[in-house]
Amino acid sequence: MLVEDLITQLEQPLEGFNLMVPKPKVLVTGSRNWWHYNVIKEAITNSGCTIVIHGGARGADTMAGRAATELGLEVRVYPADWEKWGKADGTKRNQEMIDAEHVKDDPIELCLAFPLPDSRGTVDMIRRCKRAGIETVIYAEDGSFTSG
């Protein structure tokens, strides 16, 4: 499935969606080829979060960690263990982040997604977040976004 198809499925009116309501624990997912740092930093800032969770990959994940650190936020990183699990570890790591962080008394309240057309892992994480009931905001390179 292409990123555009996923965005179309997720597009809903932004009625009731308010980036000004703080979301303490935010998971960030995105393309390894995403280089729009200001879009990520602004999204994290606008979320009002205090904790940023990411997978430690280059691109969007690394930039989210850098932005969170600059903003004085707690950062939790779940790097993939490619040597142990091979190519399957991206999806295993995605589920591990949700299982470890999306708990009853302290859930992940928001997923900020920064996909590009090559973003299979990002699309996988978006689907996992939606299945877990985590509000997801998908950003385009120009900073516009859709909520789903």
C-alpha atoms as a PDB file:
ATOM      1  CA  MET A   1       0.000   0.000   0.000  1.00  0.00           C
ATOM      2  CA  LEU A   2       1.301   3.420  -0.891  1.00  0.00           C
ATOM      3  CA  VAL A   3       1.605   6.163   1.688  1.00  0.00           C
ATOM      4  CA  GLU A   4      -0.933   8.220  -0.265  1.00  0.00           C
ATOM      5  CA  ASP A   5      -3.470   5.368  -0.022  1.00  0.00           C
ATOM      6  CA  LEU A   6      -2.929   5.119   3.730  1.00  0.00           C
ATOM      7  CA  ILE A   7      -3.344   8.868   4.178  1.00  0.00           C
ATOM      8  CA  THR A   8      -6.587   8.749   2.166  1.00  0.00           C
ATOM      9  CA  GLN A   9      -7.889   5.961   4.435  1.00  0.00           C
ATOM     10  CA  LEU A  10      -6.955   7.925   7.545  1.00  0.00           C
ATOM     11  CA  GLU A  11      -8.193  11.329   6.432  1.00  0.00           C
ATOM     12  CA  GLN A  12     -10.943  12.569   8.643  1.00  0.00           C
ATOM     13  CA  PRO A  13     -12.124  16.062   9.425  1.00  0.00           C
ATOM     14  CA  LEU A  14      -9.929  17.564  12.118  1.00  0.00           C
ATOM     15  CA  GLU A  15     -13.063  18.292  14.141  1.00  0.00           C
ATOM     16  CA  GLY A  16     -12.262  17.846  17.792  1.00  0.00           C
ATOM     17  CA  PHE A  17      -8.557  17.431  17.097  1.00  0.00           C
ATOM     18  CA  ASN A  18      -6.572  20.005  19.013  1.00  0.00           C
ATOM     19  CA  LEU A  19      -2.792  20.091  18.930  1.00  0.00           C
ATOM     20  CA  MET A  20      -2.916  22.532  21.843  1.00  0.00           C
ATOM     21  CA  VAL A  21      -4.176  19.829  24.240  1.00  0.00           C
ATOM     22  CA  PRO A  22      -0.997  18.348  25.757  1.00  0.00           C
ATOM     23  CA  LYS A  23      -0.224  14.745  24.868  1.00  0.00           C
ATOM     24  CA  PRO A  24       2.334  13.699  27.516  1.00  0.00           C
ATOM     25  CA  LYS A  25       3.667  10.556  25.783  1.00  0.00           C
ATOM     26  CA  VAL A  26       4.225  10.730  22.016  1.00  0.00           C
ATOM     27  CA  LEU A  27       5.582   8.081  19.663  1.00  0.00           C
ATOM     28  CA  VAL A  28       7.388   9.329  16.555  1.00  0.00           C
ATOM     29  CA  THR A  29       7.743   7.249  13.406  1.00  0.00           C
ATOM     30  CA  GLY A  30       9.006   8.274  10.003  1.00  0.00           C
ATOM     31  CA  SER A  31      11.100   7.693   6.948  1.00  0.00           C
ATOM     32  CA  ARG A  32      14.835   7.182   7.165  1.00  0.00           C
ATOM     33  CA  ASN A  33      14.991   9.637   4.260  1.00  0.00           C
ATOM     34  CA  TRP A  34      13.026  12.415   6.001  1.00  0.00           C
ATOM     35  CA  TRP A  35      15.186  15.520   6.444  1.00  0.00           C
ATOM     36  CA  HIS A  36      12.678  18.219   7.392  1.00  0.00           C
ATOM     37  CA  TYR A  37      13.854  18.840  10.939  1.00  0.00           C
ATOM     38  CA  ASN A  38      11.763  21.971  11.510  1.00  0.00           C
ATOM     39  CA  VAL A  39       8.520  20.098  10.711  1.00  0.00           C
ATOM     40  CA  ILE A  40       9.382  17.438  13.308  1.00  0.00           C
ATOM     41  CA  LYS A  41      10.454  19.924  15.962  1.00  0.00           C
ATOM     42  CA  GLU A  42       7.314  22.011  15.469  1.00  0.00           C
ATOM     43  CA  ALA A  43       5.093  18.912  15.648  1.00  0.00           C
ATOM     44  CA  ILE A  44       6.739  17.800  18.899  1.00  0.00           C
ATOM     45  CA  THR A  45       6.511  21.311  20.331  1.00  0.00           C
ATOM     46  CA  ASN A  46       2.825  21.627  19.393  1.00  0.00           C
ATOM     47  CA  SER A  47       1.997  18.242  20.915  1.00  0.00           C
ATOM     48  CA  GLY A  48       2.838  19.513  24.394  1.00  0.00           C
ATOM     49  CA  CYS A  49       4.453  16.174  25.175  1.00  0.00           C
ATOM     50  CA  THR A  50       6.957  15.467  27.926  1.00  0.00           C
ATOM     51  CA  ILE A  51       8.162  12.092  26.578  1.00  0.00           C
ATOM     52  CA  VAL A  52       9.204  11.246  23.001  1.00  0.00           C
ATOM     53  CA  ILE A  53       9.503   7.583  21.988  1.00  0.00           C
ATOM     54  CA  HIS A  54      11.213   6.503  18.752  1.00  0.00           C
ATOM     55  CA  GLY A  55      13.017   3.606  17.100  1.00  0.00           C
ATOM     56  CA  GLY A  56      16.457   5.170  16.758  1.00  0.00           C
ATOM     57  CA  ALA A  57      16.722   4.930  12.974  1.00  0.00           C
ATOM     58  CA  ARG A  58      18.350   7.666  10.898  1.00  0.00           C
ATOM     59  CA  GLY A  59      16.076  10.342   9.492  1.00  0.00           C
ATOM     60  CA  ALA A  60      12.826  11.158  11.301  1.00  0.00           C
ATOM     61  CA  ASP A  61      13.587   9.096  14.427  1.00  0.00           C
ATOM     62  CA  THR A  62      17.005  10.636  14.982  1.00  0.00           C
ATOM     63  CA  MET A  63      15.689  14.135  14.337  1.00  0.00           C
ATOM     64  CA  ALA A  64      12.834  13.589  16.780  1.00  0.00           C
ATOM     65  CA  GLY A  65      15.334  12.563  19.445  1.00  0.00           C
ATOM     66  CA  ARG A  66      17.455  15.620  18.741  1.00  0.00           C
ATOM     67  CA  ALA A  67      14.454  17.962  18.841  1.00  0.00           C
ATOM     68  CA  ALA A  68      13.171  16.413  22.073  1.00  0.00           C
ATOM     69  CA  THR A  69      16.586  16.759  23.691  1.00  0.00           C
ATOM     70  CA  GLU A  70      16.818  20.402  22.605  1.00  0.00           C
ATOM     71  CA  LEU A  71      13.360  20.971  24.095  1.00  0.00           C
ATOM     72  CA  GLY A  72      14.375  19.360  27.388  1.00  0.00           C
ATOM     73  CA  LEU A  73      12.041  16.379  26.990  1.00  0.00           C
ATOM     74  CA  GLU A  74      12.584  12.778  28.056  1.00  0.00           C
ATOM     75  CA  VAL A  75      13.595  10.537  25.133  1.00  0.00           C
ATOM     76  CA  ARG A  76      13.036   6.770  25.011  1.00  0.00           C
ATOM     77  CA  VAL A  77      14.734   4.902  22.173  1.00  0.00           C
ATOM     78  CA  TYR A  78      13.968   1.365  20.991  1.00  0.00           C
ATOM     79  CA  PRO A  79      16.686   0.478  18.468  1.00  0.00           C
ATOM     80  CA  ALA A  80      16.164  -2.508  16.195  1.00  0.00           C
ATOM     81  CA  ASP A  81      18.395  -5.551  16.699  1.00  0.00           C
ATOM     82  CA  TRP A  82      19.031  -6.335  13.045  1.00  0.00           C
ATOM     83  CA  GLU A  83      21.777  -8.884  13.815  1.00  0.00           C
ATOM     84  CA  LYS A  84      19.479 -10.942  16.024  1.00  0.00           C
ATOM     85  CA  TRP A  85      16.234 -10.752  14.053  1.00  0.00           C
ATOM     86  CA  GLY A  86      17.252  -9.741  10.531  1.00  0.00           C
ATOM     87  CA  LYS A  87      14.822  -7.796   8.353  1.00  0.00           C
ATOM     88  CA  ALA A  88      11.884  -8.853  10.538  1.00  0.00           C
ATOM     89  CA  ASP A  89      13.172  -6.770  13.426  1.00  0.00           C
ATOM     90  CA  GLY A  90      11.690  -3.504  12.174  1.00  0.00           C
ATOM     91  CA  THR A  91       8.174  -4.824  12.710  1.00  0.00           C
ATOM     92  CA  LYS A  92       9.173  -6.601  15.942  1.00  0.00           C
ATOM     93  CA  ARG A  93      10.644  -3.356  17.270  1.00  0.00           C
ATOM     94  CA  ASN A  94       7.520  -1.432  16.262  1.00  0.00           C
ATOM     95  CA  GLN A  95       5.333  -3.796  18.268  1.00  0.00           C
ATOM     96  CA  GLU A  96       7.809  -3.770  21.171  1.00  0.00           C
ATOM     97  CA  MET A  97       7.481   0.019  21.459  1.00  0.00           C
ATOM     98  CA  ILE A  98       3.701  -0.224  21.654  1.00  0.00           C
ATOM     99  CA  ASP A  99       3.723  -3.168  24.065  1.00  0.00           C
ATOM    100  CA  ALA A 100       6.233  -1.504  26.406  1.00  0.00           C
ATOM    101  CA  GLU A 101       4.884   2.044  26.298  1.00  0.00           C
ATOM    102  CA  HIS A 102       1.140   1.840  25.595  1.00  0.00           C
ATOM    103  CA  VAL A 103       0.045   0.599  29.006  1.00  0.00           C
ATOM    104  CA  LYS A 104      -3.291   1.106  30.740  1.00  0.00           C
ATOM    105  CA  ASP A 105      -2.199   3.668  33.326  1.00  0.00           C
ATOM    106  CA  ASP A 106       0.321   5.451  31.081  1.00  0.00           C
ATOM    107  CA  PRO A 107      -0.658   5.124  27.412  1.00  0.00           C
ATOM    108  CA  ILE A 108       0.950   6.573  24.327  1.00  0.00           C
ATOM    109  CA  GLU A 109      -1.466   9.393  23.575  1.00  0.00           C
ATOM    110  CA  LEU A 110      -0.293  10.392  20.124  1.00  0.00           C
ATOM    111  CA  CYS A 111       1.703   9.069  17.181  1.00  0.00           C
ATOM    112  CA  LEU A 112       3.414  11.664  15.005  1.00  0.00           C
ATOM    113  CA  ALA A 113       4.182  10.096  11.618  1.00  0.00           C
ATOM    114  CA  PHE A 114       6.505  11.494   8.937  1.00  0.00           C
ATOM    115  CA  PRO A 115       6.206   9.120   5.948  1.00  0.00           C
ATOM    116  CA  LEU A 116       7.644   9.304   2.454  1.00  0.00           C
ATOM    117  CA  PRO A 117       6.728   6.987  -0.439  1.00  0.00           C
ATOM    118  CA  ASP A 118       9.477   4.514   0.622  1.00  0.00           C
ATOM    119  CA  SER A 119       8.208   4.281   4.221  1.00  0.00           C
ATOM    120  CA  ARG A 120       7.178   0.631   4.707  1.00  0.00           C
ATOM    121  CA  GLY A 121       8.219   0.620   8.371  1.00  0.00           C
ATOM    122  CA  THR A 122       6.409   3.891   9.006  1.00  0.00           C
ATOM    123  CA  VAL A 123       3.226   2.571   7.399  1.00  0.00           C
ATOM    124  CA  ASP A 124       3.546  -0.560   9.560  1.00  0.00           C
ATOM    125  CA  MET A 125       3.815   1.577  12.710  1.00  0.00           C
ATOM    126  CA  ILE A 126       0.871   3.776  11.689  1.00  0.00           C
ATOM    127  CA  ARG A 127      -1.270   0.641  11.293  1.00  0.00           C
ATOM    128  CA  ARG A 128      -0.118  -0.742  14.657  1.00  0.00           C
ATOM    129  CA  CYS A 129      -0.892   2.555  16.399  1.00  0.00           C
ATOM    130  CA  LYS A 130      -4.351   2.723  14.856  1.00  0.00           C
ATOM    131  CA  ARG A 131      -5.068  -0.873  15.938  1.00  0.00           C
ATOM    132  CA  ALA A 132      -3.953   0.035  19.470  1.00  0.00           C
ATOM    133  CA  GLY A 133      -6.301   3.035  19.496  1.00  0.00           C
ATOM    134  CA  ILE A 134      -3.495   5.612  19.457  1.00  0.00           C
ATOM    135  CA  GLU A 135      -4.432   8.917  17.827  1.00  0.00           C
ATOM    136  CA  THR A 136      -2.195   9.377  14.779  1.00  0.00           C
ATOM    137  CA  VAL A 137      -1.210  12.537  12.928  1.00  0.00           C
ATOM    138  CA  ILE A 138       0.483  12.113   9.547  1.00  0.00           C
ATOM    139  CA  TYR A 139       2.687  14.963   8.359  1.00  0.00           C
ATOM    140  CA  ALA A 140       3.667  15.930   4.828  1.00  0.00           C
ATOM    141  CA  GLU A 141       7.060  17.448   4.035  1.00  0.00           C
ATOM    142  CA  ASP A 142       5.527  20.931   3.909  1.00  0.00           C
ATOM    143  CA  GLY A 143       4.253  20.635   7.487  1.00  0.00           C
ATOM    144  CA  SER A 144       0.598  20.050   6.620  1.00  0.00           C
ATOM    145  CA  PHE A 145      -1.032  17.105   8.357  1.00  0.00           C
ATOM    146  CA  THR A 146      -4.000  14.765   8.508  1.00  0.00           C
ATOM    147  CA  SER A 147      -5.430  13.075  11.569  1.00  0.00           C
ATOM    148  CA  GLY A 148      -6.757   9.566  11.830  1.00  0.00           C
END
